[in-house]
Amino acid sequence: SGGSAGGGGAWRVRYVGVMLDPTSVDALAAAVPPRHPNVTGQQHLTLFFEPAAAELAAALPLLGTLCTLRVEAEASDSRGQAVTVALATPELADSLGAITAGGSGRRDSPHITLSTADGVEACYSN
């Protein structure tokens, strides 16, 4: 997202991620109930925020690829709650590993934010 459709501004990608389907969102909510009053909807896993050109070029062929995520652990404190996840689809994990090889460090702790306390934004989990 970004730029403008008719104003001549350049479009740019802000996020590359995995979007959860409604069945997955429901399953995650049932498996890990929210601990805070603000439920984020747990609808995505951000892989890259403002990806570099090389990251975007490598990720584009993966657009629309179905994958499986594996919840590895839950983390929470008085401000937020998240689950750490791993890509359980080998082809996608391998492709993304190739994209991030070289130390960008952008996937150090892939997670899905589940809930936050009042006044806390979902990005707190980052």
Foldseek 3Di string as FASTA:
>chain_A
DDFDDPPPGDDFDFFDWDFDDPVRLVVVCVVDPDPADFFPSLGIWTQDGRDDPLLCVLCVVCPPPDWDKDFDAWDDDQFFIKTFIDTPRVVVNVSSCVSCPPPPCSVVTTITTTGGYPPHDSVVVD
